[in-house]
Amino acid sequence: MILEELYDVLLDRREKPKEGSYTSKLLYHEKGINRILEKIGEECTELILAAKDGKRSEVIHETADLIYHLLVLLVKLDIRIEEIWRELERRRR
């Protein structure tokens, strides 16, 4: 699944930072986790505004941005994506 593949790429950037990589910059930013949290807040706001305005293509774009930044946060916090799937599965019951 694409989310697991993306998560693995993000893990790789954490373990082997690459010069010029946006992901590496987020994971090792001087502001630390606050930079990632700022980006999540920014993407949430942009998604809300796109949805409010009924801009379908922007909703899709901003949702992808938000998911990406959420995955970066999980990597930063050393939370495996499988833990999220288990929590969602638990809630389904």
PDB file of N, CA and C in Angstrom:
ATOM      1  N   MET A   1       0.850  -1.187   0.000  1.00  0.00           N
ATOM      2  CA  MET A   1       0.000   0.000   0.000  1.00  0.00           C
ATOM      3  C   MET A   1       0.888   1.239   0.000  1.00  0.00           C
ATOM      4  N   ILE A   2       0.452   2.274  -0.649  1.00  0.00           N
ATOM      5  CA  ILE A   2       1.252   3.476  -0.832  1.00  0.00           C
ATOM      6  C   ILE A   2       1.657   4.124   0.488  1.00  0.00           C
ATOM      7  N   LEU A   3       0.785   4.101   1.486  1.00  0.00           N
ATOM      8  CA  LEU A   3       1.140   4.733   2.758  1.00  0.00           C
ATOM      9  C   LEU A   3       2.304   4.022   3.436  1.00  0.00           C
ATOM     10  N   GLU A   4       2.300   2.696   3.388  1.00  0.00           N
ATOM     11  CA  GLU A   4       3.417   1.951   3.964  1.00  0.00           C
ATOM     12  C   GLU A   4       4.707   2.222   3.194  1.00  0.00           C
ATOM     13  N   GLU A   5       4.599   2.291   1.878  1.00  0.00           N
ATOM     14  CA  GLU A   5       5.782   2.580   1.060  1.00  0.00           C
ATOM     15  C   GLU A   5       6.334   3.964   1.369  1.00  0.00           C
ATOM     16  N   LEU A   6       5.455   4.944   1.467  1.00  0.00           N
ATOM     17  CA  LEU A   6       5.888   6.300   1.800  1.00  0.00           C
ATOM     18  C   LEU A   6       6.507   6.337   3.191  1.00  0.00           C
ATOM     19  N   TYR A   7       5.883   5.652   4.129  1.00  0.00           N
ATOM     20  CA  TYR A   7       6.414   5.591   5.493  1.00  0.00           C
ATOM     21  C   TYR A   7       7.830   5.027   5.483  1.00  0.00           C
ATOM     22  N   ASP A   8       8.048   3.982   4.710  1.00  0.00           N
ATOM     23  CA  ASP A   8       9.386   3.387   4.619  1.00  0.00           C
ATOM     24  C   ASP A   8      10.409   4.361   4.031  1.00  0.00           C
ATOM     25  N   VAL A   9      10.003   5.148   3.048  1.00  0.00           N
ATOM     26  CA  VAL A   9      10.896   6.165   2.483  1.00  0.00           C
ATOM     27  C   VAL A   9      11.241   7.198   3.552  1.00  0.00           C
ATOM     28  N   LEU A  10      10.251   7.609   4.319  1.00  0.00           N
ATOM     29  CA  LEU A  10      10.480   8.585   5.382  1.00  0.00           C
ATOM     30  C   LEU A  10      11.419   8.026   6.449  1.00  0.00           C
ATOM     31  N   LEU A  11      11.233   6.757   6.787  1.00  0.00           N
ATOM     32  CA  LEU A  11      12.157   6.111   7.732  1.00  0.00           C
ATOM     33  C   LEU A  11      13.583   6.124   7.203  1.00  0.00           C
ATOM     34  N   ASP A  12      13.719   5.851   5.923  1.00  0.00           N
ATOM     35  CA  ASP A  12      15.036   5.858   5.303  1.00  0.00           C
ATOM     36  C   ASP A  12      15.667   7.243   5.392  1.00  0.00           C
ATOM     37  N   ARG A  13      14.877   8.291   5.199  1.00  0.00           N
ATOM     38  CA  ARG A  13      15.400   9.660   5.291  1.00  0.00           C
ATOM     39  C   ARG A  13      15.813   9.982   6.729  1.00  0.00           C
ATOM     40  N   ARG A  14      15.114   9.379   7.692  1.00  0.00           N
ATOM     41  CA  ARG A  14      15.495   9.598   9.088  1.00  0.00           C
ATOM     42  C   ARG A  14      16.825   8.913   9.384  1.00  0.00           C
ATOM     43  N   GLU A  15      16.969   7.695   8.878  1.00  0.00           N
ATOM     44  CA  GLU A  15      18.175   6.917   9.152  1.00  0.00           C
ATOM     45  C   GLU A  15      19.365   7.369   8.304  1.00  0.00           C
ATOM     46  N   LYS A  16      19.072   7.784   7.068  1.00  0.00           N
ATOM     47  CA  LYS A  16      20.132   8.213   6.139  1.00  0.00           C
ATOM     48  C   LYS A  16      19.721   9.536   5.503  1.00  0.00           C
ATOM     49  N   PRO A  17      19.850  10.637   6.258  1.00  0.00           N
ATOM     50  CA  PRO A  17      19.449  11.943   5.712  1.00  0.00           C
ATOM     51  C   PRO A  17      20.161  12.239   4.398  1.00  0.00           C
ATOM     52  N   LYS A  18      19.407  12.848   3.479  1.00  0.00           N
ATOM     53  CA  LYS A  18      19.966  13.209   2.179  1.00  0.00           C
ATOM     54  C   LYS A  18      19.967  14.726   2.048  1.00  0.00           C
ATOM     55  N   GLU A  19      21.091  15.257   1.597  1.00  0.00           N
ATOM     56  CA  GLU A  19      21.195  16.683   1.377  1.00  0.00           C
ATOM     57  C   GLU A  19      20.164  17.109   0.340  1.00  0.00           C
ATOM     58  N   GLY A  20      19.454  18.178   0.645  1.00  0.00           N
ATOM     59  CA  GLY A  20      18.449  18.692  -0.273  1.00  0.00           C
ATOM     60  C   GLY A  20      17.085  18.042  -0.139  1.00  0.00           C
ATOM     61  N   SER A  21      16.974  17.003   0.683  1.00  0.00           N
ATOM     62  CA  SER A  21      15.701  16.309   0.872  1.00  0.00           C
ATOM     63  C   SER A  21      14.793  17.117   1.810  1.00  0.00           C
ATOM     64  N   TYR A  22      13.581  17.411   1.342  1.00  0.00           N
ATOM     65  CA  TYR A  22      12.610  18.134   2.168  1.00  0.00           C
ATOM     66  C   TYR A  22      12.306  17.353   3.435  1.00  0.00           C
ATOM     67  N   THR A  23      12.158  16.053   3.309  1.00  0.00           N
ATOM     68  CA  THR A  23      11.864  15.212   4.469  1.00  0.00           C
ATOM     69  C   THR A  23      12.998  15.280   5.488  1.00  0.00           C
ATOM     70  N   SER A  24      14.229  15.177   5.029  1.00  0.00           N
ATOM     71  CA  SER A  24      15.374  15.268   5.939  1.00  0.00           C
ATOM     72  C   SER A  24      15.399  16.630   6.632  1.00  0.00           C
ATOM     73  N   LYS A  25      15.076  17.679   5.886  1.00  0.00           N
ATOM     74  CA  LYS A  25      15.051  19.019   6.484  1.00  0.00           C
ATOM     75  C   LYS A  25      14.007  19.098   7.593  1.00  0.00           C
ATOM     76  N   LEU A  26      12.835  18.505   7.355  1.00  0.00           N
ATOM     77  CA  LEU A  26      11.797  18.515   8.391  1.00  0.00           C
ATOM     78  C   LEU A  26      12.231  17.720   9.623  1.00  0.00           C
ATOM     79  N   LEU A  27      12.777  16.541   9.391  1.00  0.00           N
ATOM     80  CA  LEU A  27      13.143  15.661  10.506  1.00  0.00           C
ATOM     81  C   LEU A  27      14.285  16.216  11.348  1.00  0.00           C
ATOM     82  N   TYR A  28      15.155  17.009  10.726  1.00  0.00           N
ATOM     83  CA  TYR A  28      16.330  17.519  11.434  1.00  0.00           C
ATOM     84  C   TYR A  28      16.357  19.041  11.519  1.00  0.00           C
ATOM     85  N   HIS A  29      15.194  19.663  11.419  1.00  0.00           N
ATOM     86  CA  HIS A  29      15.084  21.122  11.469  1.00  0.00           C
ATOM     87  C   HIS A  29      15.500  21.628  12.844  1.00  0.00           C
ATOM     88  N   GLU A  30      16.083  22.813  12.877  1.00  0.00           N
ATOM     89  CA  GLU A  30      16.539  23.387  14.144  1.00  0.00           C
ATOM     90  C   GLU A  30      15.395  23.608  15.130  1.00  0.00           C
ATOM     91  N   LYS A  31      14.174  23.775  14.636  1.00  0.00           N
ATOM     92  CA  LYS A  31      13.005  23.926  15.500  1.00  0.00           C
ATOM     93  C   LYS A  31      12.514  22.587  16.034  1.00  0.00           C
ATOM     94  N   GLY A  32      13.113  21.507  15.561  1.00  0.00           N
ATOM     95  CA  GLY A  32      12.705  20.178  16.008  1.00  0.00           C
ATOM     96  C   GLY A  32      11.289  19.846  15.585  1.00  0.00           C
ATOM     97  N   ILE A  33      10.593  19.181  16.470  1.00  0.00           N
ATOM     98  CA  ILE A  33       9.238  18.712  16.162  1.00  0.00           C
ATOM     99  C   ILE A  33       8.281  19.879  15.896  1.00  0.00           C
ATOM    100  N   ASN A  34       8.590  21.039  16.449  1.00  0.00           N
ATOM    101  CA  ASN A  34       7.706  22.193  16.239  1.00  0.00           C
ATOM    102  C   ASN A  34       7.544  22.530  14.759  1.00  0.00           C
ATOM    103  N   ARG A  35       8.585  22.356  13.971  1.00  0.00           N
ATOM    104  CA  ARG A  35       8.483  22.647  12.534  1.00  0.00           C
ATOM    105  C   ARG A  35       7.485  21.704  11.866  1.00  0.00           C
ATOM    106  N   ILE A  36       7.524  20.438  12.235  1.00  0.00           N
ATOM    107  CA  ILE A  36       6.576  19.466  11.681  1.00  0.00           C
ATOM    108  C   ILE A  36       5.160  19.821  12.112  1.00  0.00           C
ATOM    109  N   LEU A  37       4.993  20.185  13.367  1.00  0.00           N
ATOM    110  CA  LEU A  37       3.669  20.543  13.872  1.00  0.00           C
ATOM    111  C   LEU A  37       3.138  21.802  13.182  1.00  0.00           C
ATOM    112  N   GLU A  38       4.006  22.762  12.920  1.00  0.00           N
ATOM    113  CA  GLU A  38       3.594  23.954  12.172  1.00  0.00           C
ATOM    114  C   GLU A  38       3.081  23.573  10.786  1.00  0.00           C
ATOM    115  N   LYS A  39       3.791  22.672  10.121  1.00  0.00           N
ATOM    116  CA  LYS A  39       3.380  22.238   8.787  1.00  0.00           C
ATOM    117  C   LYS A  39       2.043  21.510   8.837  1.00  0.00           C
ATOM    118  N   ILE A  40       1.827  20.697   9.851  1.00  0.00           N
ATOM    119  CA  ILE A  40       0.540  20.003   9.987  1.00  0.00           C
ATOM    120  C   ILE A  40      -0.578  21.022  10.172  1.00  0.00           C
ATOM    121  N   GLY A  41      -0.346  22.016  11.022  1.00  0.00           N
ATOM    122  CA  GLY A  41      -1.346  23.063  11.221  1.00  0.00           C
ATOM    123  C   GLY A  41      -1.631  23.821   9.936  1.00  0.00           C
ATOM    124  N   GLU A  42      -0.598  24.139   9.206  1.00  0.00           N
ATOM    125  CA  GLU A  42      -0.737  24.846   7.930  1.00  0.00           C
ATOM    126  C   GLU A  42      -1.546  24.021   6.934  1.00  0.00           C
ATOM    127  N   GLU A  43      -1.210  22.737   6.822  1.00  0.00           N
ATOM    128  CA  GLU A  43      -1.916  21.868   5.871  1.00  0.00           C
ATOM    129  C   GLU A  43      -3.363  21.648   6.288  1.00  0.00           C
ATOM    130  N   CYS A  44      -3.625  21.547   7.580  1.00  0.00           N
ATOM    131  CA  CYS A  44      -5.015  21.420   8.061  1.00  0.00           C
ATOM    132  C   CYS A  44      -5.836  22.641   7.663  1.00  0.00           C
ATOM    133  N   THR A  45      -5.258  23.811   7.889  1.00  0.00           N
ATOM    134  CA  THR A  45      -5.953  25.052   7.541  1.00  0.00           C
ATOM    135  C   THR A  45      -6.233  25.120   6.045  1.00  0.00           C
ATOM    136  N   GLU A  46      -5.234  24.789   5.241  1.00  0.00           N
ATOM    137  CA  GLU A  46      -5.410  24.823   3.788  1.00  0.00           C
ATOM    138  C   GLU A  46      -6.474  23.819   3.339  1.00  0.00           C
ATOM    139  N   LEU A  47      -6.514  22.660   3.967  1.00  0.00           N
ATOM    140  CA  LEU A  47      -7.531  21.659   3.638  1.00  0.00           C
ATOM    141  C   LEU A  47      -8.923  22.158   4.009  1.00  0.00           C
ATOM    142  N   ILE A  48      -9.039  22.731   5.171  1.00  0.00           N
ATOM    143  CA  ILE A  48     -10.330  23.259   5.619  1.00  0.00           C
ATOM    144  C   ILE A  48     -10.837  24.329   4.647  1.00  0.00           C
ATOM    145  N   LEU A  49      -9.961  25.237   4.260  1.00  0.00           N
ATOM    146  CA  LEU A  49     -10.363  26.313   3.347  1.00  0.00           C
ATOM    147  C   LEU A  49     -10.743  25.767   1.967  1.00  0.00           C
ATOM    148  N   ALA A  50      -9.990  24.799   1.483  1.00  0.00           N
ATOM    149  CA  ALA A  50     -10.307  24.203   0.180  1.00  0.00           C
ATOM    150  C   ALA A  50     -11.662  23.505   0.227  1.00  0.00           C
ATOM    151  N   ALA A  51     -11.924  22.779   1.314  1.00  0.00           N
ATOM    152  CA  ALA A  51     -13.212  22.078   1.446  1.00  0.00           C
ATOM    153  C   ALA A  51     -14.357  23.076   1.567  1.00  0.00           C
ATOM    154  N   LYS A  52     -14.142  24.103   2.359  1.00  0.00           N
ATOM    155  CA  LYS A  52     -15.158  25.140   2.547  1.00  0.00           C
ATOM    156  C   LYS A  52     -15.519  25.803   1.221  1.00  0.00           C
ATOM    157  N   ASP A  53     -14.521  26.009   0.386  1.00  0.00           N
ATOM    158  CA  ASP A  53     -14.739  26.654  -0.905  1.00  0.00           C
ATOM    159  C   ASP A  53     -15.170  25.681  -2.004  1.00  0.00           C
ATOM    160  N   GLY A  54     -15.272  24.397  -1.663  1.00  0.00           N
ATOM    161  CA  GLY A  54     -15.724  23.400  -2.623  1.00  0.00           C
ATOM    162  C   GLY A  54     -14.751  23.157  -3.761  1.00  0.00           C
ATOM    163  N   LYS A  55     -13.464  23.316  -3.484  1.00  0.00           N
ATOM    164  CA  LYS A  55     -12.438  23.139  -4.515  1.00  0.00           C
ATOM    165  C   LYS A  55     -11.879  21.717  -4.460  1.00  0.00           C
ATOM    166  N   ARG A  56     -12.522  20.841  -5.177  1.00  0.00           N
ATOM    167  CA  ARG A  56     -12.217  19.409  -5.147  1.00  0.00           C
ATOM    168  C   ARG A  56     -10.733  19.098  -5.370  1.00  0.00           C
ATOM    169  N   SER A  57     -10.144  19.649  -6.407  1.00  0.00           N
ATOM    170  CA  SER A  57      -8.741  19.331  -6.697  1.00  0.00           C
ATOM    171  C   SER A  57      -7.817  19.830  -5.592  1.00  0.00           C
ATOM    172  N   GLU A  58      -8.147  20.966  -5.005  1.00  0.00           N
ATOM    173  CA  GLU A  58      -7.344  21.477  -3.889  1.00  0.00           C
ATOM    174  C   GLU A  58      -7.529  20.621  -2.642  1.00  0.00           C
ATOM    175  N   VAL A  59      -8.737  20.114  -2.418  1.00  0.00           N
ATOM    176  CA  VAL A  59      -8.979  19.213  -1.280  1.00  0.00           C
ATOM    177  C   VAL A  59      -8.095  17.973  -1.422  1.00  0.00           C
ATOM    178  N   ILE A  60      -8.033  17.426  -2.616  1.00  0.00           N
ATOM    179  CA  ILE A  60      -7.200  16.246  -2.864  1.00  0.00           C
ATOM    180  C   ILE A  60      -5.731  16.578  -2.607  1.00  0.00           C
ATOM    181  N   HIS A  61      -5.264  17.690  -3.149  1.00  0.00           N
ATOM    182  CA  HIS A  61      -3.870  18.109  -2.990  1.00  0.00           C
ATOM    183  C   HIS A  61      -3.525  18.345  -1.514  1.00  0.00           C
ATOM    184  N   GLU A  62      -4.366  19.081  -0.817  1.00  0.00           N
ATOM    185  CA  GLU A  62      -4.090  19.410   0.590  1.00  0.00           C
ATOM    186  C   GLU A  62      -4.209  18.183   1.494  1.00  0.00           C
ATOM    187  N   THR A  63      -5.103  17.260   1.152  1.00  0.00           N
ATOM    188  CA  THR A  63      -5.206  16.021   1.919  1.00  0.00           C
ATOM    189  C   THR A  63      -3.920  15.215   1.785  1.00  0.00           C
ATOM    190  N   ALA A  64      -3.388  15.142   0.580  1.00  0.00           N
ATOM    191  CA  ALA A  64      -2.113  14.439   0.377  1.00  0.00           C
ATOM    192  C   ALA A  64      -0.998  15.109   1.174  1.00  0.00           C
ATOM    193  N   ASP A  65      -0.954  16.437   1.167  1.00  0.00           N
ATOM    194  CA  ASP A  65       0.059  17.161   1.944  1.00  0.00           C
ATOM    195  C   ASP A  65      -0.075  16.857   3.435  1.00  0.00           C
ATOM    196  N   LEU A  66      -1.309  16.857   3.918  1.00  0.00           N
ATOM    197  CA  LEU A  66      -1.549  16.597   5.338  1.00  0.00           C
ATOM    198  C   LEU A  66      -1.119  15.183   5.715  1.00  0.00           C
ATOM    199  N   ILE A  67      -1.489  14.206   4.904  1.00  0.00           N
ATOM    200  CA  ILE A  67      -1.108  12.818   5.181  1.00  0.00           C
ATOM    201  C   ILE A  67       0.412  12.679   5.209  1.00  0.00           C
ATOM    202  N   TYR A  68       1.082  13.284   4.232  1.00  0.00           N
ATOM    203  CA  TYR A  68       2.546  13.246   4.203  1.00  0.00           C
ATOM    204  C   TYR A  68       3.133  13.794   5.510  1.00  0.00           C
ATOM    205  N   HIS A  69       2.672  14.963   5.933  1.00  0.00           N
ATOM    206  CA  HIS A  69       3.230  15.578   7.138  1.00  0.00           C
ATOM    207  C   HIS A  69       2.870  14.786   8.388  1.00  0.00           C
ATOM    208  N   LEU A  70       1.706  14.163   8.413  1.00  0.00           N
ATOM    209  CA  LEU A  70       1.361  13.288   9.539  1.00  0.00           C
ATOM    210  C   LEU A  70       2.313  12.092   9.600  1.00  0.00           C
ATOM    211  N   LEU A  71       2.636  11.533   8.449  1.00  0.00           N
ATOM    212  CA  LEU A  71       3.587  10.413   8.423  1.00  0.00           C
ATOM    213  C   LEU A  71       4.973  10.852   8.877  1.00  0.00           C
ATOM    214  N   VAL A  72       5.389  12.055   8.502  1.00  0.00           N
ATOM    215  CA  VAL A  72       6.676  12.579   8.977  1.00  0.00           C
ATOM    216  C   VAL A  72       6.656  12.672  10.505  1.00  0.00           C
ATOM    217  N   LEU A  73       5.541  13.136  11.066  1.00  0.00           N
ATOM    218  CA  LEU A  73       5.404  13.217  12.517  1.00  0.00           C
ATOM    219  C   LEU A  73       5.525  11.836  13.159  1.00  0.00           C
ATOM    220  N   LEU A  74       4.852  10.846  12.584  1.00  0.00           N
ATOM    221  CA  LEU A  74       4.935   9.490  13.128  1.00  0.00           C
ATOM    222  C   LEU A  74       6.375   8.981  13.113  1.00  0.00           C
ATOM    223  N   VAL A  75       7.076   9.226  12.019  1.00  0.00           N
ATOM    224  CA  VAL A  75       8.477   8.810  11.921  1.00  0.00           C
ATOM    225  C   VAL A  75       9.302   9.522  12.991  1.00  0.00           C
ATOM    226  N   LYS A  76       9.090  10.814  13.132  1.00  0.00           N
ATOM    227  CA  LYS A  76       9.831  11.600  14.140  1.00  0.00           C
ATOM    228  C   LYS A  76       9.608  11.043  15.539  1.00  0.00           C
ATOM    229  N   LEU A  77       8.374  10.627  15.820  1.00  0.00           N
ATOM    230  CA  LEU A  77       8.014  10.122  17.154  1.00  0.00           C
ATOM    231  C   LEU A  77       8.248   8.624  17.301  1.00  0.00           C
ATOM    232  N   ASP A  78       8.772   7.996  16.242  1.00  0.00           N
ATOM    233  CA  ASP A  78       9.041   6.559  16.240  1.00  0.00           C
ATOM    234  C   ASP A  78       7.771   5.744  16.498  1.00  0.00           C
ATOM    235  N   ILE A  79       6.697   6.151  15.834  1.00  0.00           N
ATOM    236  CA  ILE A  79       5.428   5.428  15.889  1.00  0.00           C
ATOM    237  C   ILE A  79       5.258   4.729  14.553  1.00  0.00           C
ATOM    238  N   ARG A  80       5.125   3.419  14.591  1.00  0.00           N
ATOM    239  CA  ARG A  80       4.959   2.630  13.367  1.00  0.00           C
ATOM    240  C   ARG A  80       3.550   2.820  12.816  1.00  0.00           C
ATOM    241  N   ILE A  81       3.431   2.843  11.515  1.00  0.00           N
ATOM    242  CA  ILE A  81       2.126   3.022  10.893  1.00  0.00           C
ATOM    243  C   ILE A  81       1.181   1.868  11.253  1.00  0.00           C
ATOM    244  N   GLU A  82       1.760   0.701  11.499  1.00  0.00           N
ATOM    245  CA  GLU A  82       0.943  -0.451  11.896  1.00  0.00           C
ATOM    246  C   GLU A  82       0.214  -0.194  13.215  1.00  0.00           C
ATOM    247  N   GLU A  83       0.794   0.621  14.071  1.00  0.00           N
ATOM    248  CA  GLU A  83       0.135   0.967  15.336  1.00  0.00           C
ATOM    249  C   GLU A  83      -1.140   1.763  15.070  1.00  0.00           C
ATOM    250  N   ILE A  84      -1.101   2.601  14.055  1.00  0.00           N
ATOM    251  CA  ILE A  84      -2.287   3.379  13.691  1.00  0.00           C
ATOM    252  C   ILE A  84      -3.355   2.452  13.124  1.00  0.00           C
ATOM    253  N   TRP A  85      -2.931   1.522  12.258  1.00  0.00           N
ATOM    254  CA  TRP A  85      -3.889   0.564  11.689  1.00  0.00           C
ATOM    255  C   TRP A  85      -4.544  -0.259  12.798  1.00  0.00           C
ATOM    256  N   ARG A  86      -3.752  -0.702  13.771  1.00  0.00           N
ATOM    257  CA  ARG A  86      -4.324  -1.490  14.891  1.00  0.00           C
ATOM    258  C   ARG A  86      -5.342  -0.666  15.678  1.00  0.00           C
ATOM    259  N   GLU A  87      -5.037   0.590  15.896  1.00  0.00           N
ATOM    260  CA  GLU A  87      -5.978   1.451  16.629  1.00  0.00           C
ATOM    261  C   GLU A  87      -7.277   1.626  15.837  1.00  0.00           C
ATOM    262  N   LEU A  88      -7.161   1.831  14.533  1.00  0.00           N
ATOM    263  CA  LEU A  88      -8.372   1.950  13.708  1.00  0.00           C
ATOM    264  C   LEU A  88      -9.171   0.648  13.703  1.00  0.00           C
ATOM    265  N   GLU A  89      -8.468  -0.464  13.641  1.00  0.00           N
ATOM    266  CA  GLU A  89      -9.140  -1.768  13.691  1.00  0.00           C
ATOM    267  C   GLU A  89      -9.862  -1.951  15.027  1.00  0.00           C
ATOM    268  N   ARG A  90      -9.214  -1.555  16.107  1.00  0.00           N
ATOM    269  CA  ARG A  90      -9.830  -1.660  17.440  1.00  0.00           C
ATOM    270  C   ARG A  90     -11.113  -0.835  17.493  1.00  0.00           C
ATOM    271  N   ARG A  91     -11.111   0.322  16.894  1.00  0.00           N
ATOM    272  CA  ARG A  91     -12.286   1.198  16.923  1.00  0.00           C
ATOM    273  C   ARG A  91     -13.426   0.672  16.071  1.00  0.00           C
ATOM    274  N   ARG A  92     -13.098  -0.151  15.114  1.00  0.00           N
ATOM    275  CA  ARG A  92     -14.119  -0.696  14.215  1.00  0.00           C
ATOM    276  C   ARG A  92     -15.011  -1.714  14.926  1.00  0.00           C
ATOM    277  N   ARG A  93     -14.514  -2.304  15.957  1.00  0.00           N
ATOM    278  CA  ARG A  93     -15.269  -3.370  16.658  1.00  0.00           C
ATOM    279  C   ARG A  93     -16.351  -2.862  17.544  1.00  0.00           C
TER     280      ARG A  93
END
